[in-house]
C-alpha atoms as a PDB file:
ATOM      1  CA  LYS A   1      -0.588 -18.832   2.267  1.00  0.00           C
ATOM      2  CA  PRO A   2      -0.467 -15.120   1.610  1.00  0.00           C
ATOM      3  CA  SER A   3       1.853 -13.188   3.817  1.00  0.00           C
ATOM      4  CA  VAL A   4       2.726  -9.578   4.216  1.00  0.00           C
ATOM      5  CA  HIS A   5       6.351  -9.537   5.251  1.00  0.00           C
ATOM      6  CA  LYS A   6       6.769  -6.637   7.614  1.00  0.00           C
ATOM      7  CA  THR A   7       9.684  -5.105   9.409  1.00  0.00           C
ATOM      8  CA  LEU A   8       9.837  -2.022  11.562  1.00  0.00           C
ATOM      9  CA  SER A   9      12.304   0.743  10.887  1.00  0.00           C
ATOM     10  CA  ALA A  10      14.922   2.006  13.313  1.00  0.00           C
ATOM     11  CA  PRO A  11      13.707   3.111  16.765  1.00  0.00           C
ATOM     12  CA  ALA A  12      13.906   6.744  15.651  1.00  0.00           C
ATOM     13  CA  GLU A  13      11.132   5.991  13.191  1.00  0.00           C
ATOM     14  CA  ARG A  14       8.978   4.051  15.652  1.00  0.00           C
ATOM     15  CA  GLY A  15       5.689   2.849  14.274  1.00  0.00           C
ATOM     16  CA  ARG A  16       6.707   3.625  10.690  1.00  0.00           C
ATOM     17  CA  LEU A  17       6.027   0.843   8.235  1.00  0.00           C
ATOM     18  CA  THR A  18       8.756  -0.544   6.015  1.00  0.00           C
ATOM     19  CA  LEU A  19       7.789  -3.335   3.687  1.00  0.00           C
ATOM     20  CA  GLY A  20      10.841  -5.582   3.706  1.00  0.00           C
ATOM     21  CA  ALA A  21       9.654  -7.995   1.033  1.00  0.00           C
ATOM     22  CA  PRO A  22       6.536  -7.874  -1.079  1.00  0.00           C
ATOM     23  CA  PRO A  23       3.499  -9.907  -0.104  1.00  0.00           C
ATOM     24  CA  LYS A  24       3.114 -13.234  -1.874  1.00  0.00           C
ATOM     25  CA  ALA A  25       0.465 -13.640  -4.553  1.00  0.00           C
ATOM     26  CA  MET A  26      -3.013 -14.407  -3.301  1.00  0.00           C
ATOM     27  CA  ALA A  27      -4.009 -16.673  -6.200  1.00  0.00           C
ATOM     28  CA  GLY A  28      -4.773 -19.924  -4.340  1.00  0.00           C
ATOM     29  CA  ALA A  29      -5.524 -18.473  -0.933  1.00  0.00           C
ATOM     30  CA  GLN A  30      -8.844 -18.704   0.830  1.00  0.00           C
ATOM     31  CA  THR A  31     -10.612 -15.353   1.211  1.00  0.00           C
ATOM     32  CA  SER A  32     -10.841 -15.736   4.981  1.00  0.00           C
ATOM     33  CA  GLU A  33      -7.080 -16.320   5.218  1.00  0.00           C
ATOM     34  CA  VAL A  34      -6.356 -13.226   3.135  1.00  0.00           C
ATOM     35  CA  ASP A  35      -8.763 -11.133   5.220  1.00  0.00           C
ATOM     36  CA  SER A  36      -7.149 -12.418   8.403  1.00  0.00           C
ATOM     37  CA  VAL A  37      -3.641 -11.509   7.224  1.00  0.00           C
ATOM     38  CA  LEU A  38      -4.725  -8.041   6.078  1.00  0.00           C
ATOM     39  CA  LYS A  39      -6.587  -7.316   9.320  1.00  0.00           C
ATOM     40  CA  SER A  40      -3.594  -8.366  11.388  1.00  0.00           C
ATOM     41  CA  PHE A  41      -1.445  -6.156   9.162  1.00  0.00           C
ATOM     42  CA  LEU A  42      -3.596  -3.147  10.140  1.00  0.00           C
ATOM     43  CA  ALA A  43      -3.482  -4.132  13.803  1.00  0.00           C
ATOM     44  CA  ASP A  44       0.307  -4.605  13.799  1.00  0.00           C
ATOM     45  CA  PHE A  45       0.978  -1.168  12.301  1.00  0.00           C
ATOM     46  CA  PRO A  46      -1.074   1.620  13.889  1.00  0.00           C
ATOM     47  CA  THR A  47       0.417   4.159  11.450  1.00  0.00           C
ATOM     48  CA  VAL A  48      -1.275   2.419   8.518  1.00  0.00           C
ATOM     49  CA  ILE A  49      -4.380   4.364   7.552  1.00  0.00           C
ATOM     50  CA  GLY A  50      -5.584   1.788   5.068  1.00  0.00           C
ATOM     51  CA  TYR A  51      -4.783  -0.416   2.097  1.00  0.00           C
ATOM     52  CA  VAL A  52      -6.092  -1.348  -1.345  1.00  0.00           C
ATOM     53  CA  VAL A  53      -5.192  -4.518  -3.246  1.00  0.00           C
ATOM     54  CA  LEU A  54      -5.390  -4.109  -7.042  1.00  0.00           C
ATOM     55  CA  ASN A  55      -5.349  -6.794  -9.694  1.00  0.00           C
ATOM     56  CA  ASN A  56      -3.428  -6.537 -12.990  1.00  0.00           C
ATOM     57  CA  ASP A  57      -6.306  -4.645 -14.596  1.00  0.00           C
ATOM     58  CA  GLY A  58      -6.270  -2.015 -11.852  1.00  0.00           C
ATOM     59  CA  VAL A  59      -9.487  -3.224 -10.247  1.00  0.00           C
ATOM     60  CA  PRO A  60      -9.542  -2.991  -6.435  1.00  0.00           C
ATOM     61  CA  VAL A  61     -10.140  -6.564  -5.254  1.00  0.00           C
ATOM     62  CA  LYS A  62      -9.771  -5.795  -1.532  1.00  0.00           C
ATOM     63  CA  HIS A  63      -9.623  -2.664   0.576  1.00  0.00           C
ATOM     64  CA  SER A  64      -9.553  -1.877   4.261  1.00  0.00           C
ATOM     65  CA  ASP A  65     -12.681  -0.797   6.123  1.00  0.00           C
ATOM     66  CA  THR A  66     -11.014   2.571   6.709  1.00  0.00           C
ATOM     67  CA  ILE A  67     -11.087   3.346   2.984  1.00  0.00           C
ATOM     68  CA  PRO A  68     -14.533   3.575   1.376  1.00  0.00           C
ATOM     69  CA  LEU A  69     -15.076   1.848  -1.973  1.00  0.00           C
ATOM     70  CA  HIS A  70     -15.248   5.097  -3.969  1.00  0.00           C
ATOM     71  CA  GLN A  71     -11.878   6.164  -2.556  1.00  0.00           C
ATOM     72  CA  ALA A  72     -10.363   2.709  -3.233  1.00  0.00           C
ATOM     73  CA  VAL A  73     -11.513   3.017  -6.857  1.00  0.00           C
ATOM     74  CA  HIS A  74      -9.991   6.516  -7.018  1.00  0.00           C
ATOM     75  CA  TYR A  75      -6.633   5.257  -5.688  1.00  0.00           C
ATOM     76  CA  SER A  76      -6.826   2.376  -8.149  1.00  0.00           C
ATOM     77  CA  ALA A  77      -7.510   4.591 -11.163  1.00  0.00           C
ATOM     78  CA  LEU A  78      -4.642   6.955 -10.385  1.00  0.00           C
ATOM     79  CA  LEU A  79      -2.021   4.555  -9.082  1.00  0.00           C
ATOM     80  CA  THR A  80      -2.414   1.826 -11.715  1.00  0.00           C
ATOM     81  CA  ASP A  81      -1.192   4.155 -14.464  1.00  0.00           C
ATOM     82  CA  PHE A  82       1.469   5.600 -12.179  1.00  0.00           C
ATOM     83  CA  VAL A  83       2.928   2.189 -11.264  1.00  0.00           C
ATOM     84  CA  ASN A  84       2.800   1.024 -14.895  1.00  0.00           C
ATOM     85  CA  ASN A  85       4.651   4.183 -15.990  1.00  0.00           C
ATOM     86  CA  CYS A  86       7.279   3.566 -13.277  1.00  0.00           C
ATOM     87  CA  LYS A  87       7.756   0.010 -14.585  1.00  0.00           C
ATOM     88  CA  LYS A  88       8.117   1.316 -18.142  1.00  0.00           C
ATOM     89  CA  CYS A  89      10.676   3.945 -17.083  1.00  0.00           C
ATOM     90  CA  LEU A  90      12.790   1.348 -15.277  1.00  0.00           C
ATOM     91  CA  ARG A  91      12.759  -0.958 -18.303  1.00  0.00           C
ATOM     92  CA  GLU A  92      13.966   1.905 -20.505  1.00  0.00           C
ATOM     93  CA  LEU A  93      16.580   3.218 -18.061  1.00  0.00           C
ATOM     94  CA  LEU A  94      18.158  -0.030 -16.864  1.00  0.00           C
ATOM     95  CA  SER A  95      19.596  -2.659 -19.168  1.00  0.00           C
ATOM     96  CA  SER A  96      19.195  -5.867 -17.171  1.00  0.00           C
ATOM     97  CA  PRO A  97      15.681  -7.317 -16.700  1.00  0.00           C
ATOM     98  CA  ALA A  98      16.579  -8.188 -13.078  1.00  0.00           C
ATOM     99  CA  GLU A  99      17.635  -4.584 -12.359  1.00  0.00           C
ATOM    100  CA  SER A 100      14.587  -3.090 -14.020  1.00  0.00           C
ATOM    101  CA  GLU A 101      11.932  -5.043 -12.120  1.00  0.00           C
ATOM    102  CA  LEU A 102       9.897  -2.660  -9.972  1.00  0.00           C
ATOM    103  CA  THR A 103       9.335  -3.866  -6.409  1.00  0.00           C
ATOM    104  CA  ASN A 104       7.827  -0.789  -4.759  1.00  0.00           C
ATOM    105  CA  VAL A 105       7.173   2.921  -5.106  1.00  0.00           C
ATOM    106  CA  ARG A 106       6.930   5.307  -2.145  1.00  0.00           C
ATOM    107  CA  ILE A 107       5.301   8.718  -2.388  1.00  0.00           C
ATOM    108  CA  ARG A 108       5.470  11.046   0.606  1.00  0.00           C
ATOM    109  CA  THR A 109       3.598  14.342   1.012  1.00  0.00           C
ATOM    110  CA  LYS A 110       4.719  17.439   2.877  1.00  0.00           C
ATOM    111  CA  GLU A 111       1.998  16.734   5.444  1.00  0.00           C
ATOM    112  CA  GLY A 112       3.539  13.356   6.270  1.00  0.00           C
ATOM    113  CA  THR A 113       1.260  10.921   4.462  1.00  0.00           C
ATOM    114  CA  GLU A 114       2.953   8.136   2.536  1.00  0.00           C
ATOM    115  CA  VAL A 115       1.511   6.049  -0.272  1.00  0.00           C
ATOM    116  CA  ILE A 116       3.440   2.815  -0.814  1.00  0.00           C
ATOM    117  CA  CYS A 117       2.779   0.642  -3.858  1.00  0.00           C
ATOM    118  CA  VAL A 118       4.243  -2.871  -3.779  1.00  0.00           C
ATOM    119  CA  THR A 119       4.033  -4.937  -6.965  1.00  0.00           C
ATOM    120  CA  VAL A 120       3.746  -8.710  -6.729  1.00  0.00           C
ATOM    121  CA  THR A 121       3.027 -10.921  -9.747  1.00  0.00           C
ATOM    122  CA  GLU A 122      -0.474  -9.901 -10.815  1.00  0.00           C
ATOM    123  CA  TYR A 123      -1.278  -7.688  -7.810  1.00  0.00           C
ATOM    124  CA  VAL A 124      -0.374  -4.243  -6.517  1.00  0.00           C
ATOM    125  CA  PHE A 125      -0.627  -3.698  -2.759  1.00  0.00           C
ATOM    126  CA  VAL A 126      -1.229  -0.015  -1.953  1.00  0.00           C
ATOM    127  CA  VAL A 127      -0.682   1.130   1.636  1.00  0.00           C
ATOM    128  CA  ILE A 128      -1.567   4.592   2.910  1.00  0.00           C
ATOM    129  CA  GLN A 129       0.418   5.501   6.002  1.00  0.00           C
ATOM    130  CA  ASN A 130       0.520   8.348   8.511  1.00  0.00           C
ATOM    131  CA  CYS A 131       4.134   9.401   9.141  1.00  0.00           C
ATOM    132  CA  THR A 132       3.376  12.499  11.227  1.00  0.00           C
ATOM    133  CA  GLY A 133       3.680  10.871  14.644  1.00  0.00           C
ATOM    134  CA  LYS A 134       0.277  12.360  15.514  1.00  0.00           C
ATOM    135  CA  PRO A 135      -3.052  10.512  15.716  1.00  0.00           C
ATOM    136  CA  TRP A 136      -4.860  10.289  12.390  1.00  0.00           C
ATOM    137  CA  VAL A 137      -8.306  11.836  12.032  1.00  0.00           C
ATOM    138  CA  GLN A 138     -10.749  10.606   9.394  1.00  0.00           C
ATOM    139  CA  ASN A 139     -12.314  13.356   7.289  1.00  0.00           C
ATOM    140  CA  PRO A 140     -16.065  12.610   7.529  1.00  0.00           C
ATOM    141  CA  GLU A 141     -16.863  14.614   4.371  1.00  0.00           C
ATOM    142  CA  GLU A 142     -14.651  12.491   2.143  1.00  0.00           C
ATOM    143  CA  GLY A 143     -15.040   9.298   4.169  1.00  0.00           C
ATOM    144  CA  GLY A 144     -11.330   8.636   4.152  1.00  0.00           C
ATOM    145  CA  ALA A 145      -7.950   9.831   5.250  1.00  0.00           C
ATOM    146  CA  ALA A 146      -7.593  13.435   6.243  1.00  0.00           C
ATOM    147  CA  GLU A 147      -4.894  15.014   8.370  1.00  0.00           C
ATOM    148  CA  GLY A 148      -2.992  14.392  11.567  1.00  0.00           C
ATOM    149  CA  ALA A 149      -4.624  15.808  14.684  1.00  0.00           C
ATOM    150  CA  VAL A 150      -2.800  18.237  16.957  1.00  0.00           C
END
């Protein structure tokens, strides 16, 4: 069964998502089981704005309802190369194959949005998270994530 292992950070960072271990590969899982796990993931973490699951080729195979398809494709196009370059850098910088295996990449903006990319076998799980502590407002013009409300 696929599982998204989740742990919450310290109380000072209430509601902030920390991915303790990467999700297991979805290869043999039923689609309904995967959808169920991903929907519960969104429900368990109100700071998560949305997610995109990419295959090895960078094709978005699943995305949350909060992220429109065109935005999921945009995330996929940009983050696939980024994650692959991170993997390449680690292989060149670190000598041991065990040390140089990329598990996740976190990118945080000044505005408090975080993009977390977790690599698992042939998939990359991308999570977009609101770290502002304020309610998130969808930008209707772009159909996706916008800014924290006052």
